[in-house]
């Protein structure tokens, strides 16, 4: 459960950063709707991760981290939908770190679920 709690905190941090940026003016850019989707998805996945002992929330956590961090990396290199971001500011690093945590926790939970299935145990009795 500690891994799931850590993942949920990371999801909420990323969602909070995206909400702050959305209110800070990103909503008027082409990526505005995507930021709002990140806010809702982060909160929903965090709730699922804490309440549903299944591999699906872990998979969603991994995918959330990969997609949000990937989109930011693209925006800092070649640009994303006309937006060219920079690795500057607290919000950027808070979101990036939380998304790396989402990737690590999602992967760890998926591996734990796979290992538990191979050994015929439940995920709850193992690392999750």
Protein backbone atom coordinates (compact mmCIF):
# COMPACT_ATOMS: atom_id res chain seq x y z
CA UNK A 1 0.00 0.00 0.00
CA UNK A 2 2.97 2.34 0.55
CA UNK A 3 3.87 2.20 -3.14
CA UNK A 4 0.29 2.95 -4.11
CA UNK A 5 0.19 5.92 -1.72
CA UNK A 6 3.47 7.25 -3.15
CA UNK A 7 2.09 6.90 -6.67
CA UNK A 8 -1.13 8.66 -5.70
CA UNK A 9 0.80 11.57 -4.19
CA UNK A 10 2.91 11.85 -7.35
CA UNK A 11 -0.22 11.83 -9.52
CA UNK A 12 -1.85 14.56 -7.43
CA UNK A 13 1.32 16.69 -7.48
CA UNK A 14 1.45 16.50 -11.27
CA UNK A 15 -2.27 17.28 -11.48
CA UNK A 16 -1.85 20.26 -9.14
CA UNK A 17 1.05 21.66 -11.16
CA UNK A 18 -0.94 21.32 -14.38
CA UNK A 19 -3.93 23.04 -12.76
CA UNK A 20 -1.73 25.90 -11.52
CA UNK A 21 -0.25 26.33 -14.99
CA UNK A 22 -3.70 26.13 -16.58
CA UNK A 23 -4.96 28.96 -14.37
CA UNK A 24 -1.68 30.79 -15.03
CA UNK A 25 -2.48 31.21 -18.70
CA UNK A 26 -1.85 27.89 -20.40
CA UNK A 27 -5.63 27.55 -20.88
CA UNK A 28 -5.39 30.16 -23.63
CA UNK A 29 -2.74 28.20 -25.55
CA UNK A 30 -3.28 25.30 -27.93
CA UNK A 31 -2.28 22.82 -25.20
CA UNK A 32 -4.77 24.23 -22.68
CA UNK A 33 -7.32 21.42 -23.00
CA UNK A 34 -4.57 18.81 -22.60
CA UNK A 35 -3.51 20.41 -19.32
CA UNK A 36 -7.07 20.21 -18.03
CA UNK A 37 -7.27 16.55 -19.08
CA UNK A 38 -4.06 15.94 -17.11
CA UNK A 39 -5.64 17.49 -14.02
CA UNK A 40 -8.73 15.29 -14.17
CA UNK A 41 -6.84 12.15 -15.18
CA UNK A 42 -4.25 12.57 -12.41
CA UNK A 43 -6.91 12.84 -9.71
CA UNK A 44 -9.02 9.98 -11.09
CA UNK A 45 -6.03 7.65 -11.44
CA UNK A 46 -4.85 8.55 -7.91
CA UNK A 47 -8.24 7.55 -6.50
CA UNK A 48 -8.23 4.33 -8.52
CA UNK A 49 -4.70 3.52 -7.40
CA UNK A 50 -5.71 3.79 -3.74
CA UNK A 51 -9.07 2.05 -3.95
CA UNK A 52 -8.76 -0.67 -6.60
CA UNK A 53 -6.21 -3.42 -5.91
CA UNK A 54 -5.72 -4.36 -9.56
CA UNK A 55 -3.02 -4.00 -12.21
CA UNK A 56 -5.05 -1.49 -14.26
CA UNK A 57 -4.43 1.55 -11.99
CA UNK A 58 -0.71 0.70 -11.98
CA UNK A 59 -0.76 0.60 -15.78
CA UNK A 60 -2.60 3.93 -15.89
CA UNK A 61 -0.06 5.45 -13.48
CA UNK A 62 2.81 4.30 -15.68
CA UNK A 63 1.08 5.59 -18.82
CA UNK A 64 0.25 8.93 -17.20
CA UNK A 65 3.87 9.47 -16.20
CA UNK A 66 5.23 8.45 -19.59
CA UNK A 67 2.77 10.52 -21.60
CA UNK A 68 2.99 13.72 -19.55
CA UNK A 69 6.77 13.65 -19.21
CA UNK A 70 7.11 12.65 -22.86
CA UNK A 71 4.91 15.53 -23.98
CA UNK A 72 6.98 17.98 -21.94
CA UNK A 73 10.26 16.65 -23.36
CA UNK A 74 8.85 17.03 -26.87
CA UNK A 75 7.75 20.59 -26.07
CA UNK A 76 11.28 21.45 -24.90
CA UNK A 77 12.95 20.03 -28.01
CA UNK A 78 10.96 20.41 -31.22
CA UNK A 79 7.87 22.02 -29.73
CA UNK A 80 4.39 20.65 -29.17
CA UNK A 81 1.41 22.23 -30.95
CA UNK A 82 3.26 25.53 -31.25
CA UNK A 83 4.45 25.58 -27.62
CA UNK A 84 8.18 25.60 -26.88
CA UNK A 85 8.86 25.09 -23.17
CA UNK A 86 12.09 25.33 -21.18
CA UNK A 87 13.53 23.45 -18.21
CA UNK A 88 13.06 26.42 -15.88
CA UNK A 89 11.07 27.06 -12.74
CA UNK A 90 9.76 25.15 -9.76
CA UNK A 91 6.61 23.93 -11.51
CA UNK A 92 8.59 22.29 -14.31
CA UNK A 93 10.83 20.33 -11.97
CA UNK A 94 8.02 19.46 -9.53
CA UNK A 95 5.97 18.02 -12.39
CA UNK A 96 8.93 16.23 -13.96
CA UNK A 97 9.99 14.61 -10.68
CA UNK A 98 6.42 13.56 -9.88
CA UNK A 99 6.05 12.06 -13.35
CA UNK A 100 9.30 10.10 -12.98
CA UNK A 101 7.91 8.79 -9.67
CA UNK A 102 4.69 7.80 -11.48
CA UNK A 103 6.73 5.86 -14.02
CA UNK A 104 8.78 4.09 -11.35
CA UNK A 105 5.82 3.27 -9.10
CA UNK A 106 3.63 2.13 -12.00
CA UNK A 107 6.38 -0.15 -13.28
CA UNK A 108 7.14 -1.53 -9.80
CA UNK A 109 3.47 -2.29 -9.14
CA UNK A 110 3.08 -4.00 -12.51
CA UNK A 111 6.16 -6.13 -11.87
CA UNK A 112 4.86 -7.01 -8.40
CA UNK A 113 1.50 -8.02 -9.87
CA UNK A 114 3.20 -10.14 -12.51
CA UNK A 115 5.42 -11.81 -9.93
CA UNK A 116 2.47 -12.43 -7.62
CA UNK A 117 0.49 -14.02 -10.44
CA UNK A 118 3.44 -16.26 -11.34
CA UNK A 119 3.72 -17.42 -7.72
CA UNK A 120 -0.01 -17.80 -7.19
CA UNK A 121 -0.24 -15.12 -4.50
CA UNK A 122 -2.16 -11.87 -4.42
CA UNK A 123 -0.59 -8.49 -5.05
CA UNK A 124 -1.77 -7.29 -1.65
CA UNK A 125 0.39 -9.88 0.13
CA UNK A 126 3.44 -8.85 -1.88
CA UNK A 127 5.07 -5.47 -2.61
CA UNK A 128 1.92 -3.50 -3.35
